[in-house]
Amino acid sequence: MATIKIKQIGSPIRRPAAQKKILIGLGLGKMHRVVERQDTPEVRGAIAKLPHMVQVLED
């Protein structure tokens, strides 16, 4: 299965608790951290809820 790289570009400070939980679920939580996840609809949905905090990196 294909993978995607996700980079955190926004701070979770002063954000709703739900957004912080989504970041932790993706394996993020600190600025400029990059994680690699499988490209599933669940991961894409989590990314869609945080377009102001995460960025999908192209290889």
PDB file of N, CA and C in Angstrom:
ATOM      1  N   MET A   1       0.837  -1.184   0.000  1.00  0.00           N
ATOM      2  CA  MET A   1       0.000   0.000   0.000  1.00  0.00           C
ATOM      3  C   MET A   1       0.886   1.254   0.000  1.00  0.00           C
ATOM      4  N   ALA A   2       0.394   2.283  -0.610  1.00  0.00           N
ATOM      5  CA  ALA A   2       1.146   3.531  -0.717  1.00  0.00           C
ATOM      6  C   ALA A   2       1.235   4.233   0.631  1.00  0.00           C
ATOM      7  N   THR A   3       2.283   5.019   0.791  1.00  0.00           N
ATOM      8  CA  THR A   3       2.454   5.796   2.015  1.00  0.00           C
ATOM      9  C   THR A   3       2.542   7.274   1.669  1.00  0.00           C
ATOM     10  N   ILE A   4       2.243   8.104   2.664  1.00  0.00           N
ATOM     11  CA  ILE A   4       2.354   9.552   2.506  1.00  0.00           C
ATOM     12  C   ILE A   4       3.139  10.094   3.690  1.00  0.00           C
ATOM     13  N   LYS A   5       3.827  11.196   3.471  1.00  0.00           N
ATOM     14  CA  LYS A   5       4.557  11.874   4.539  1.00  0.00           C
ATOM     15  C   LYS A   5       3.755  13.095   4.951  1.00  0.00           C
ATOM     16  N   ILE A   6       3.602  13.246   6.262  1.00  0.00           N
ATOM     17  CA  ILE A   6       2.818  14.337   6.820  1.00  0.00           C
ATOM     18  C   ILE A   6       3.733  15.164   7.724  1.00  0.00           C
ATOM     19  N   LYS A   7       3.715  16.478   7.538  1.00  0.00           N
ATOM     20  CA  LYS A   7       4.537  17.379   8.351  1.00  0.00           C
ATOM     21  C   LYS A   7       3.627  18.326   9.115  1.00  0.00           C
ATOM     22  N   GLN A   8       3.926  18.511  10.390  1.00  0.00           N
ATOM     23  CA  GLN A   8       3.165  19.455  11.197  1.00  0.00           C
ATOM     24  C   GLN A   8       3.727  20.849  10.996  1.00  0.00           C
ATOM     25  N   ILE A   9       2.859  21.779  10.585  1.00  0.00           N
ATOM     26  CA  ILE A   9       3.291  23.152  10.331  1.00  0.00           C
ATOM     27  C   ILE A   9       2.610  24.156  11.264  1.00  0.00           C
ATOM     28  N   GLY A  10       1.644  23.677  12.075  1.00  0.00           N
ATOM     29  CA  GLY A  10       0.936  24.569  12.979  1.00  0.00           C
ATOM     30  C   GLY A  10       1.036  24.080  14.411  1.00  0.00           C
ATOM     31  N   SER A  11       0.973  25.002  15.345  1.00  0.00           N
ATOM     32  CA  SER A  11       1.083  24.663  16.758  1.00  0.00           C
ATOM     33  C   SER A  11      -0.275  24.257  17.326  1.00  0.00           C
ATOM     34  N   PRO A  12      -0.296  23.262  18.210  1.00  0.00           N
ATOM     35  CA  PRO A  12      -1.559  22.867  18.855  1.00  0.00           C
ATOM     36  C   PRO A  12      -1.949  23.764  20.031  1.00  0.00           C
ATOM     37  N   ILE A  13      -1.130  24.761  20.321  1.00  0.00           N
ATOM     38  CA  ILE A  13      -1.435  25.665  21.430  1.00  0.00           C
ATOM     39  C   ILE A  13      -2.678  26.488  21.082  1.00  0.00           C
ATOM     40  N   ARG A  14      -3.577  26.615  22.025  1.00  0.00           N
ATOM     41  CA  ARG A  14      -4.851  27.341  21.878  1.00  0.00           C
ATOM     42  C   ARG A  14      -5.730  26.779  20.775  1.00  0.00           C
ATOM     43  N   ARG A  15      -5.684  25.478  20.590  1.00  0.00           N
ATOM     44  CA  ARG A  15      -6.564  24.792  19.637  1.00  0.00           C
ATOM     45  C   ARG A  15      -7.529  23.918  20.419  1.00  0.00           C
ATOM     46  N   PRO A  16      -8.665  23.579  19.832  1.00  0.00           N
ATOM     47  CA  PRO A  16      -9.607  22.686  20.522  1.00  0.00           C
ATOM     48  C   PRO A  16      -8.964  21.330  20.833  1.00  0.00           C
ATOM     49  N   ALA A  17      -9.444  20.696  21.885  1.00  0.00           N
ATOM     50  CA  ALA A  17      -8.900  19.404  22.318  1.00  0.00           C
ATOM     51  C   ALA A  17      -9.040  18.355  21.220  1.00  0.00           C
ATOM     52  N   ALA A  18     -10.105  18.426  20.443  1.00  0.00           N
ATOM     53  CA  ALA A  18     -10.301  17.444  19.367  1.00  0.00           C
ATOM     54  C   ALA A  18      -9.179  17.521  18.331  1.00  0.00           C
ATOM     55  N   GLN A  19      -8.717  18.729  18.019  1.00  0.00           N
ATOM     56  CA  GLN A  19      -7.639  18.884  17.046  1.00  0.00           C
ATOM     57  C   GLN A  19      -6.330  18.356  17.604  1.00  0.00           C
ATOM     58  N   LYS A  20      -6.090  18.543  18.890  1.00  0.00           N
ATOM     59  CA  LYS A  20      -4.882  18.008  19.515  1.00  0.00           C
ATOM     60  C   LYS A  20      -4.888  16.486  19.470  1.00  0.00           C
ATOM     61  N   LYS A  21      -6.052  15.888  19.707  1.00  0.00           N
ATOM     62  CA  LYS A  21      -6.169  14.433  19.681  1.00  0.00           C
ATOM     63  C   LYS A  21      -5.929  13.877  18.278  1.00  0.00           C
ATOM     64  N   ILE A  22      -6.382  14.593  17.260  1.00  0.00           N
ATOM     65  CA  ILE A  22      -6.148  14.159  15.881  1.00  0.00           C
ATOM     66  C   ILE A  22      -4.652  14.193  15.577  1.00  0.00           C
ATOM     67  N   LEU A  23      -3.966  15.254  16.013  1.00  0.00           N
ATOM     68  CA  LEU A  23      -2.515  15.339  15.812  1.00  0.00           C
ATOM     69  C   LEU A  23      -1.800  14.175  16.472  1.00  0.00           C
ATOM     70  N   ILE A  24      -2.158  13.872  17.705  1.00  0.00           N
ATOM     71  CA  ILE A  24      -1.526  12.764  18.424  1.00  0.00           C
ATOM     72  C   ILE A  24      -1.832  11.444  17.719  1.00  0.00           C
ATOM     73  N   GLY A  25      -3.044  11.297  17.221  1.00  0.00           N
ATOM     74  CA  GLY A  25      -3.414  10.089  16.493  1.00  0.00           C
ATOM     75  C   GLY A  25      -2.603   9.895  15.225  1.00  0.00           C
ATOM     76  N   LEU A  26      -2.204  10.990  14.608  1.00  0.00           N
ATOM     77  CA  LEU A  26      -1.356  10.908  13.412  1.00  0.00           C
ATOM     78  C   LEU A  26       0.109  10.678  13.769  1.00  0.00           C
ATOM     79  N   GLY A  27       0.445  10.802  15.051  1.00  0.00           N
ATOM     80  CA  GLY A  27       1.826  10.616  15.477  1.00  0.00           C
ATOM     81  C   GLY A  27       2.607  11.913  15.511  1.00  0.00           C
ATOM     82  N   LEU A  28       1.889  13.024  15.510  1.00  0.00           N
ATOM     83  CA  LEU A  28       2.530  14.334  15.542  1.00  0.00           C
ATOM     84  C   LEU A  28       2.337  14.950  16.924  1.00  0.00           C
ATOM     85  N   GLY A  29       2.742  16.172  17.103  1.00  0.00           N
ATOM     86  CA  GLY A  29       2.583  16.854  18.376  1.00  0.00           C
ATOM     87  C   GLY A  29       3.611  17.942  18.579  1.00  0.00           C
ATOM     88  N   LYS A  30       4.705  17.879  17.850  1.00  0.00           N
ATOM     89  CA  LYS A  30       5.723  18.925  17.931  1.00  0.00           C
ATOM     90  C   LYS A  30       5.912  19.528  16.544  1.00  0.00           C
ATOM     91  N   MET A  31       6.228  20.793  16.533  1.00  0.00           N
ATOM     92  CA  MET A  31       6.377  21.523  15.276  1.00  0.00           C
ATOM     93  C   MET A  31       7.450  20.907  14.385  1.00  0.00           C
ATOM     94  N   HIS A  32       7.181  20.891  13.093  1.00  0.00           N
ATOM     95  CA  HIS A  32       8.098  20.466  12.035  1.00  0.00           C
ATOM     96  C   HIS A  32       8.439  18.983  12.087  1.00  0.00           C
ATOM     97  N   ARG A  33       7.698  18.206  12.837  1.00  0.00           N
ATOM     98  CA  ARG A  33       7.910  16.761  12.868  1.00  0.00           C
ATOM     99  C   ARG A  33       7.282  16.153  11.611  1.00  0.00           C
ATOM    100  N   VAL A  34       7.943  15.155  11.043  1.00  0.00           N
ATOM    101  CA  VAL A  34       7.458  14.483   9.842  1.00  0.00           C
ATOM    102  C   VAL A  34       7.250  13.009  10.172  1.00  0.00           C
ATOM    103  N   VAL A  35       6.067  12.484   9.787  1.00  0.00           N
ATOM    104  CA  VAL A  35       5.769  11.068   9.974  1.00  0.00           C
ATOM    105  C   VAL A  35       5.337  10.485   8.637  1.00  0.00           C
ATOM    106  N   GLU A  36       5.493   9.184   8.506  1.00  0.00           N
ATOM    107  CA  GLU A  36       5.072   8.484   7.295  1.00  0.00           C
ATOM    108  C   GLU A  36       3.951   7.532   7.673  1.00  0.00           C
ATOM    109  N   ARG A  37       2.813   7.659   7.024  1.00  0.00           N
ATOM    110  CA  ARG A  37       1.636   6.843   7.307  1.00  0.00           C
ATOM    111  C   ARG A  37       1.132   6.205   6.020  1.00  0.00           C
ATOM    112  N   GLN A  38       0.389   5.116   6.168  1.00  0.00           N
ATOM    113  CA  GLN A  38      -0.235   4.496   5.004  1.00  0.00           C
ATOM    114  C   GLN A  38      -1.321   5.418   4.490  1.00  0.00           C
ATOM    115  N   ASP A  39      -1.487   5.436   3.184  1.00  0.00           N
ATOM    116  CA  ASP A  39      -2.465   6.309   2.541  1.00  0.00           C
ATOM    117  C   ASP A  39      -3.829   5.632   2.572  1.00  0.00           C
ATOM    118  N   THR A  40      -4.555   5.833   3.679  1.00  0.00           N
ATOM    119  CA  THR A  40      -5.885   5.248   3.842  1.00  0.00           C
ATOM    120  C   THR A  40      -6.918   6.367   3.926  1.00  0.00           C
ATOM    121  N   PRO A  41      -8.177   6.040   3.713  1.00  0.00           N
ATOM    122  CA  PRO A  41      -9.217   7.071   3.844  1.00  0.00           C
ATOM    123  C   PRO A  41      -9.276   7.670   5.257  1.00  0.00           C
ATOM    124  N   GLU A  42      -8.951   6.880   6.270  1.00  0.00           N
ATOM    125  CA  GLU A  42      -8.978   7.386   7.647  1.00  0.00           C
ATOM    126  C   GLU A  42      -7.912   8.457   7.850  1.00  0.00           C
ATOM    127  N   VAL A  43      -6.718   8.214   7.339  1.00  0.00           N
ATOM    128  CA  VAL A  43      -5.627   9.178   7.470  1.00  0.00           C
ATOM    129  C   VAL A  43      -5.932  10.424   6.647  1.00  0.00           C
ATOM    130  N   ARG A  44      -6.455  10.246   5.451  1.00  0.00           N
ATOM    131  CA  ARG A  44      -6.822  11.403   4.619  1.00  0.00           C
ATOM    132  C   ARG A  44      -7.903  12.246   5.291  1.00  0.00           C
ATOM    133  N   GLY A  45      -8.841  11.599   5.975  1.00  0.00           N
ATOM    134  CA  GLY A  45      -9.888  12.327   6.691  1.00  0.00           C
ATOM    135  C   GLY A  45      -9.327  13.144   7.839  1.00  0.00           C
ATOM    136  N   ALA A  46      -8.360  12.562   8.559  1.00  0.00           N
ATOM    137  CA  ALA A  46      -7.723  13.292   9.663  1.00  0.00           C
ATOM    138  C   ALA A  46      -6.965  14.496   9.129  1.00  0.00           C
ATOM    139  N   ILE A  47      -6.301  14.329   8.006  1.00  0.00           N
ATOM    140  CA  ILE A  47      -5.574  15.443   7.382  1.00  0.00           C
ATOM    141  C   ILE A  47      -6.548  16.528   6.942  1.00  0.00           C
ATOM    142  N   ALA A  48      -7.696  16.127   6.422  1.00  0.00           N
ATOM    143  CA  ALA A  48      -8.686  17.100   5.955  1.00  0.00           C
ATOM    144  C   ALA A  48      -9.250  17.937   7.096  1.00  0.00           C
ATOM    145  N   LYS A  49      -9.249  17.404   8.310  1.00  0.00           N
ATOM    146  CA  LYS A  49      -9.742  18.168   9.459  1.00  0.00           C
ATOM    147  C   LYS A  49      -8.724  19.168   9.983  1.00  0.00           C
ATOM    148  N   LEU A  50      -7.456  19.039   9.566  1.00  0.00           N
ATOM    149  CA  LEU A  50      -6.393  19.921  10.056  1.00  0.00           C
ATOM    150  C   LEU A  50      -5.599  20.559   8.912  1.00  0.00           C
ATOM    151  N   PRO A  51      -6.248  21.134   7.914  1.00  0.00           N
ATOM    152  CA  PRO A  51      -5.460  21.678   6.794  1.00  0.00           C
ATOM    153  C   PRO A  51      -4.578  22.860   7.191  1.00  0.00           C
ATOM    154  N   HIS A  52      -4.908  23.522   8.310  1.00  0.00           N
ATOM    155  CA  HIS A  52      -4.134  24.670   8.788  1.00  0.00           C
ATOM    156  C   HIS A  52      -2.964  24.252   9.667  1.00  0.00           C
ATOM    157  N   MET A  53      -2.876  22.962  10.003  1.00  0.00           N
ATOM    158  CA  MET A  53      -1.829  22.497  10.922  1.00  0.00           C
ATOM    159  C   MET A  53      -0.896  21.448  10.322  1.00  0.00           C
ATOM    160  N   VAL A  54      -1.297  20.797   9.246  1.00  0.00           N
ATOM    161  CA  VAL A  54      -0.456  19.763   8.658  1.00  0.00           C
ATOM    162  C   VAL A  54      -0.301  19.986   7.158  1.00  0.00           C
ATOM    163  N   GLN A  55       0.745  19.401   6.613  1.00  0.00           N
ATOM    164  CA  GLN A  55       1.042  19.522   5.192  1.00  0.00           C
ATOM    165  C   GLN A  55       1.465  18.148   4.693  1.00  0.00           C
ATOM    166  N   VAL A  56       0.937  17.760   3.537  1.00  0.00           N
ATOM    167  CA  VAL A  56       1.332  16.497   2.919  1.00  0.00           C
ATOM    168  C   VAL A  56       2.539  16.778   2.034  1.00  0.00           C
ATOM    169  N   LEU A  57       3.633  16.065   2.297  1.00  0.00           N
ATOM    170  CA  LEU A  57       4.860  16.275   1.539  1.00  0.00           C
ATOM    171  C   LEU A  57       4.881  15.366   0.319  1.00  0.00           C
ATOM    172  N   GLU A  58       5.295  15.913  -0.794  1.00  0.00           N
ATOM    173  CA  GLU A  58       5.437  15.132  -2.022  1.00  0.00           C
ATOM    174  C   GLU A  58       6.848  14.582  -2.100  1.00  0.00           C
ATOM    175  N   ASP A  59       6.983  13.355  -2.518  1.00  0.00           N
ATOM    176  CA  ASP A  59       8.320  12.745  -2.634  1.00  0.00           C
ATOM    177  C   ASP A  59       8.989  13.085  -3.929  1.00  0.00           C
TER     178      ASP A  59
END
